[in-house]
Every structure is written in structure tokens, then in C-alpha cells.
Amino acid sequence: MQSLSELVEQSQQLLTQIRKHPQFKILRFDCDVTAGDVAQFFNTLQYSTTDLDLSRLEGFNE
């Protein structure tokens, strides 16, 4: 199983590819969440997982 950090990194790479894709560039969305918002979420998540010690979380010690 991949770590959360690895999954977030892959997601960030995919989001970058999606944002650069010609089909995505021509789409017009009318929503409150942008690709930039999603990128910021992944950046924050990546930063948060850097020092995460899973052994301290309930349920991971079992």
C-alpha cells in the first residue's frame, strides 16, 4: 500500500496534467471550487502528512 504522502504527490502531478490539458482549458465551469483550490488542498495535505506519526493515532496501534 502506498503512503498518503505518495498518493498526494501523485494527485498533485495528475492535477497539473489536467490543468494543462487542451480539453480542460476549453471547459467552462460554474462552480465554487477551482483547480487552484484543489491544488492548494493537496499542498496543505502534503505539508500536513510530512510529520504525521500514525502510531499516535487511535486505531493504528492495534
C-alpha atoms as a PDB file:
ATOM      1  CA  MET A   1       0.000   0.000   0.000  1.00  0.00           C
ATOM      2  CA  GLN A   2       1.279   3.457  -0.889  1.00  0.00           C
ATOM      3  CA  SER A   3       1.709   6.060   1.812  1.00  0.00           C
ATOM      4  CA  LEU A   4      -0.630   9.017   1.981  1.00  0.00           C
ATOM      5  CA  SER A   5       2.265  11.285   1.055  1.00  0.00           C
ATOM      6  CA  GLU A   6       2.916   9.285  -2.127  1.00  0.00           C
ATOM      7  CA  LEU A   7      -0.769   9.349  -3.073  1.00  0.00           C
ATOM      8  CA  VAL A   8      -0.943  13.106  -2.548  1.00  0.00           C
ATOM      9  CA  GLU A   9       2.147  13.592  -4.712  1.00  0.00           C
ATOM     10  CA  GLN A  10       0.603  11.510  -7.499  1.00  0.00           C
ATOM     11  CA  SER A  11      -2.615  13.514  -7.202  1.00  0.00           C
ATOM     12  CA  GLN A  12      -0.695  16.774  -7.489  1.00  0.00           C
ATOM     13  CA  GLN A  13       1.026  15.518 -10.641  1.00  0.00           C
ATOM     14  CA  LEU A  14      -2.290  14.436 -12.165  1.00  0.00           C
ATOM     15  CA  LEU A  15      -3.901  17.764 -11.316  1.00  0.00           C
ATOM     16  CA  THR A  16      -1.055  19.574 -13.077  1.00  0.00           C
ATOM     17  CA  GLN A  17      -1.549  17.403 -16.165  1.00  0.00           C
ATOM     18  CA  ILE A  18      -5.309  18.011 -16.086  1.00  0.00           C
ATOM     19  CA  ARG A  19      -4.888  21.792 -15.800  1.00  0.00           C
ATOM     20  CA  LYS A  20      -2.567  21.803 -18.845  1.00  0.00           C
ATOM     21  CA  HIS A  21      -4.755  19.524 -20.971  1.00  0.00           C
ATOM     22  CA  PRO A  22      -6.325  21.277 -24.007  1.00  0.00           C
ATOM     23  CA  GLN A  23      -9.762  19.758 -23.343  1.00  0.00           C
ATOM     24  CA  PHE A  24      -9.720  21.045 -19.775  1.00  0.00           C
ATOM     25  CA  LYS A  25      -8.684  24.526 -20.892  1.00  0.00           C
ATOM     26  CA  ILE A  26     -11.801  24.926 -23.055  1.00  0.00           C
ATOM     27  CA  LEU A  27     -14.233  23.804 -20.356  1.00  0.00           C
ATOM     28  CA  ARG A  28     -16.287  26.444 -18.620  1.00  0.00           C
ATOM     29  CA  PHE A  29     -17.280  25.567 -15.085  1.00  0.00           C
ATOM     30  CA  ASP A  30     -19.729  27.482 -12.948  1.00  0.00           C
ATOM     31  CA  CYS A  31     -18.771  26.215  -9.529  1.00  0.00           C
ATOM     32  CA  ASP A  32     -17.265  27.470  -6.299  1.00  0.00           C
ATOM     33  CA  VAL A  33     -14.220  25.179  -6.359  1.00  0.00           C
ATOM     34  CA  THR A  34     -11.438  25.770  -8.869  1.00  0.00           C
ATOM     35  CA  ALA A  35      -8.467  23.628  -9.882  1.00  0.00           C
ATOM     36  CA  GLY A  36      -6.367  26.124  -7.928  1.00  0.00           C
ATOM     37  CA  ASP A  37      -8.420  25.388  -4.812  1.00  0.00           C
ATOM     38  CA  VAL A  38      -7.826  21.671  -5.296  1.00  0.00           C
ATOM     39  CA  ALA A  39      -4.087  22.266  -5.788  1.00  0.00           C
ATOM     40  CA  GLN A  40      -3.984  24.289  -2.562  1.00  0.00           C
ATOM     41  CA  PHE A  41      -5.804  21.470  -0.756  1.00  0.00           C
ATOM     42  CA  PHE A  42      -3.196  18.939  -1.930  1.00  0.00           C
ATOM     43  CA  ASN A  43      -0.349  21.292  -0.969  1.00  0.00           C
ATOM     44  CA  THR A  44      -1.812  21.646   2.526  1.00  0.00           C
ATOM     45  CA  LEU A  45      -2.419  17.911   2.800  1.00  0.00           C
ATOM     46  CA  GLN A  46       1.134  17.142   1.659  1.00  0.00           C
ATOM     47  CA  TYR A  47       2.537  19.557   4.255  1.00  0.00           C
ATOM     48  CA  SER A  48       0.316  18.062   6.961  1.00  0.00           C
ATOM     49  CA  THR A  49       1.406  14.496   6.237  1.00  0.00           C
ATOM     50  CA  THR A  50       5.116  15.293   6.347  1.00  0.00           C
ATOM     51  CA  ASP A  51       5.384  14.981  10.122  1.00  0.00           C
ATOM     52  CA  LEU A  52       2.401  12.719  10.716  1.00  0.00           C
ATOM     53  CA  ASP A  53       3.152   9.895  13.144  1.00  0.00           C
ATOM     54  CA  LEU A  54       0.480   7.266  12.526  1.00  0.00           C
ATOM     55  CA  SER A  55       1.449   5.353  15.650  1.00  0.00           C
ATOM     56  CA  ARG A  56      -0.035   8.155  17.756  1.00  0.00           C
ATOM     57  CA  LEU A  57      -3.437   7.909  16.091  1.00  0.00           C
ATOM     58  CA  GLU A  58      -6.155   5.817  17.684  1.00  0.00           C
ATOM     59  CA  GLY A  59      -6.712   2.554  15.853  1.00  0.00           C
ATOM     60  CA  PHE A  60      -3.247   2.314  14.314  1.00  0.00           C
ATOM     61  CA  ASN A  61      -1.708   0.752  17.408  1.00  0.00           C
ATOM     62  CA  GLU A  62      -3.910  -2.352  17.265  1.00  0.00           C
END
